[in-house]
Amino acid sequence: MNILGINGSLRRQSLNLSLLKAAGDHFDQDTVFDIVSLADLPFYNEDLDGDNKPQPVVTFKQRIEDADALLFATPEFNHSVPGVLQNAIDWASRPAFNSPLT
């Protein structure tokens, strides 16, 4: 099983990052667990969402595609998800009906 951890915070000392790392300590030896950073993803812009997407976006979407499961850990900002996580979801959910999240 290949599990991709997604942290909704960019802070170096993020509690959510610590939670993801702790979760990773509990998977069996046959599970590959990796945590992706969202720091390099540009803001979603449909002008960039063509055939020549930015490389961080291509890499992020491929990592989701390769995963069997996603594990999210995120803080709450103003009664919602942080902008960095929403931005990642916006990139990952495109194109509609044919995205890595489908």
C-alpha atoms as a PDB file:
ATOM      1  CA  MET A   1       0.000   0.000   0.000  1.00  0.00           C
ATOM      2  CA  ASN A   2       1.238   3.460  -0.904  1.00  0.00           C
ATOM      3  CA  ILE A   3      -0.137   6.255   1.321  1.00  0.00           C
ATOM      4  CA  LEU A   4       0.514   9.929   0.661  1.00  0.00           C
ATOM      5  CA  GLY A   5       0.289  12.317   3.612  1.00  0.00           C
ATOM      6  CA  ILE A   6      -0.863  15.859   2.895  1.00  0.00           C
ATOM      7  CA  ASN A   7      -0.272  18.558   5.487  1.00  0.00           C
ATOM      8  CA  GLY A   8      -2.493  21.634   5.343  1.00  0.00           C
ATOM      9  CA  SER A   9       0.132  23.796   7.045  1.00  0.00           C
ATOM     10  CA  LEU A  10       3.418  25.183   5.750  1.00  0.00           C
ATOM     11  CA  ARG A  11       4.821  25.940   9.205  1.00  0.00           C
ATOM     12  CA  ARG A  12       8.119  24.129   9.937  1.00  0.00           C
ATOM     13  CA  GLN A  13       6.982  23.147  13.419  1.00  0.00           C
ATOM     14  CA  SER A  14       3.446  22.276  12.319  1.00  0.00           C
ATOM     15  CA  LEU A  15       1.520  20.098  14.754  1.00  0.00           C
ATOM     16  CA  ASN A  16      -0.247  18.532  11.795  1.00  0.00           C
ATOM     17  CA  LEU A  17       3.088  17.537  10.286  1.00  0.00           C
ATOM     18  CA  SER A  18       3.961  15.922  13.620  1.00  0.00           C
ATOM     19  CA  LEU A  19       0.649  14.063  13.532  1.00  0.00           C
ATOM     20  CA  LEU A  20       1.346  12.774  10.024  1.00  0.00           C
ATOM     21  CA  LYS A  21       4.818  11.622  11.054  1.00  0.00           C
ATOM     22  CA  ALA A  22       3.375   9.877  14.108  1.00  0.00           C
ATOM     23  CA  ALA A  23       0.761   8.159  11.948  1.00  0.00           C
ATOM     24  CA  GLY A  24       3.520   6.989   9.623  1.00  0.00           C
ATOM     25  CA  ASP A  25       5.204   5.251  12.555  1.00  0.00           C
ATOM     26  CA  HIS A  26       2.178   2.955  12.903  1.00  0.00           C
ATOM     27  CA  PHE A  27       1.988   1.556   9.375  1.00  0.00           C
ATOM     28  CA  ASP A  28       3.308  -1.929   8.750  1.00  0.00           C
ATOM     29  CA  GLN A  29       6.501  -2.644   6.834  1.00  0.00           C
ATOM     30  CA  ASP A  30       4.616  -3.282   3.587  1.00  0.00           C
ATOM     31  CA  THR A  31       3.189   0.250   3.576  1.00  0.00           C
ATOM     32  CA  VAL A  32       5.043   3.067   1.866  1.00  0.00           C
ATOM     33  CA  PHE A  33       4.167   6.344   3.558  1.00  0.00           C
ATOM     34  CA  ASP A  34       5.430   9.683   2.330  1.00  0.00           C
ATOM     35  CA  ILE A  35       4.451  13.242   3.173  1.00  0.00           C
ATOM     36  CA  VAL A  36       4.196  15.768   0.354  1.00  0.00           C
ATOM     37  CA  SER A  37       4.981  19.449   0.808  1.00  0.00           C
ATOM     38  CA  LEU A  38       2.572  21.964  -0.669  1.00  0.00           C
ATOM     39  CA  ALA A  39       5.066  24.839  -0.401  1.00  0.00           C
ATOM     40  CA  ASP A  40       6.126  24.825  -4.058  1.00  0.00           C
ATOM     41  CA  LEU A  41       2.659  24.741  -5.625  1.00  0.00           C
ATOM     42  CA  PRO A  42       1.840  28.025  -7.366  1.00  0.00           C
ATOM     43  CA  PHE A  43      -1.544  29.613  -6.828  1.00  0.00           C
ATOM     44  CA  TYR A  44      -4.098  27.953  -9.057  1.00  0.00           C
ATOM     45  CA  ASN A  45      -4.468  29.881 -12.282  1.00  0.00           C
ATOM     46  CA  GLU A  46      -6.400  28.447 -15.194  1.00  0.00           C
ATOM     47  CA  ASP A  47      -3.905  30.114 -17.541  1.00  0.00           C
ATOM     48  CA  LEU A  48      -1.255  27.719 -16.152  1.00  0.00           C
ATOM     49  CA  ASP A  49      -3.564  24.700 -16.306  1.00  0.00           C
ATOM     50  CA  GLY A  50      -2.822  23.683 -19.866  1.00  0.00           C
ATOM     51  CA  ASP A  51      -0.451  21.271 -21.529  1.00  0.00           C
ATOM     52  CA  ASN A  52       2.593  22.877 -19.884  1.00  0.00           C
ATOM     53  CA  LYS A  53       1.684  22.892 -16.201  1.00  0.00           C
ATOM     54  CA  PRO A  54       4.334  24.048 -13.707  1.00  0.00           C
ATOM     55  CA  GLN A  55       6.603  21.137 -12.715  1.00  0.00           C
ATOM     56  CA  PRO A  56       5.579  21.203  -9.007  1.00  0.00           C
ATOM     57  CA  VAL A  57       1.963  20.709 -10.125  1.00  0.00           C
ATOM     58  CA  VAL A  58       2.858  17.818 -12.430  1.00  0.00           C
ATOM     59  CA  THR A  59       4.850  16.145  -9.641  1.00  0.00           C
ATOM     60  CA  PHE A  60       2.083  16.694  -7.064  1.00  0.00           C
ATOM     61  CA  LYS A  61      -0.622  15.270  -9.305  1.00  0.00           C
ATOM     62  CA  GLN A  62       1.545  12.268 -10.198  1.00  0.00           C
ATOM     63  CA  ARG A  63       2.185  11.531  -6.530  1.00  0.00           C
ATOM     64  CA  ILE A  64      -1.567  11.542  -5.896  1.00  0.00           C
ATOM     65  CA  GLU A  65      -2.125   9.310  -8.928  1.00  0.00           C
ATOM     66  CA  ASP A  66       0.476   6.831  -7.630  1.00  0.00           C
ATOM     67  CA  ALA A  67      -1.026   6.704  -4.133  1.00  0.00           C
ATOM     68  CA  ASP A  68      -3.496   4.088  -2.966  1.00  0.00           C
ATOM     69  CA  ALA A  69      -4.747   6.410  -0.233  1.00  0.00           C
ATOM     70  CA  LEU A  70      -4.391   9.990   0.963  1.00  0.00           C
ATOM     71  CA  LEU A  71      -4.067  10.992   4.613  1.00  0.00           C
ATOM     72  CA  PHE A  72      -4.821  14.640   5.380  1.00  0.00           C
ATOM     73  CA  ALA A  73      -3.853  16.519   8.527  1.00  0.00           C
ATOM     74  CA  THR A  74      -4.790  20.167   8.586  1.00  0.00           C
ATOM     75  CA  PRO A  75      -5.452  23.063  10.898  1.00  0.00           C
ATOM     76  CA  GLU A  76      -8.642  25.082  10.725  1.00  0.00           C
ATOM     77  CA  PHE A  77      -8.263  28.658   9.537  1.00  0.00           C
ATOM     78  CA  ASN A  78     -11.265  30.964   9.951  1.00  0.00           C
ATOM     79  CA  HIS A  79     -13.718  28.040  10.084  1.00  0.00           C
ATOM     80  CA  SER A  80     -12.347  26.526   6.875  1.00  0.00           C
ATOM     81  CA  VAL A  81      -9.326  24.751   5.432  1.00  0.00           C
ATOM     82  CA  PRO A  82      -6.142  26.779   4.964  1.00  0.00           C
ATOM     83  CA  GLY A  83      -5.633  28.433   1.590  1.00  0.00           C
ATOM     84  CA  VAL A  84      -2.573  26.284   0.856  1.00  0.00           C
ATOM     85  CA  LEU A  85      -4.683  23.125   1.148  1.00  0.00           C
ATOM     86  CA  GLN A  86      -7.549  24.566  -0.886  1.00  0.00           C
ATOM     87  CA  ASN A  87      -5.043  25.545  -3.555  1.00  0.00           C
ATOM     88  CA  ALA A  88      -3.655  21.986  -3.631  1.00  0.00           C
ATOM     89  CA  ILE A  89      -7.162  20.564  -3.939  1.00  0.00           C
ATOM     90  CA  ASP A  90      -7.919  23.014  -6.748  1.00  0.00           C
ATOM     91  CA  TRP A  91      -4.863  21.789  -8.686  1.00  0.00           C
ATOM     92  CA  ALA A  92      -5.509  18.117  -7.929  1.00  0.00           C
ATOM     93  CA  SER A  93      -9.182  18.262  -8.921  1.00  0.00           C
ATOM     94  CA  ARG A  94      -8.479  19.472 -12.471  1.00  0.00           C
ATOM     95  CA  PRO A  95      -9.475  18.606 -15.104  1.00  0.00           C
ATOM     96  CA  ALA A  96     -12.976  17.893 -13.916  1.00  0.00           C
ATOM     97  CA  PHE A  97     -14.035  14.228 -14.186  1.00  0.00           C
ATOM     98  CA  ASN A  98     -10.467  13.209 -15.121  1.00  0.00           C
ATOM     99  CA  SER A  99      -8.330  14.299 -12.173  1.00  0.00           C
ATOM    100  CA  PRO A 100      -6.172  12.232  -9.819  1.00  0.00           C
ATOM    101  CA  LEU A 101      -8.939  12.640  -7.233  1.00  0.00           C
ATOM    102  CA  THR A 102     -11.627  11.046  -9.396  1.00  0.00           C
END
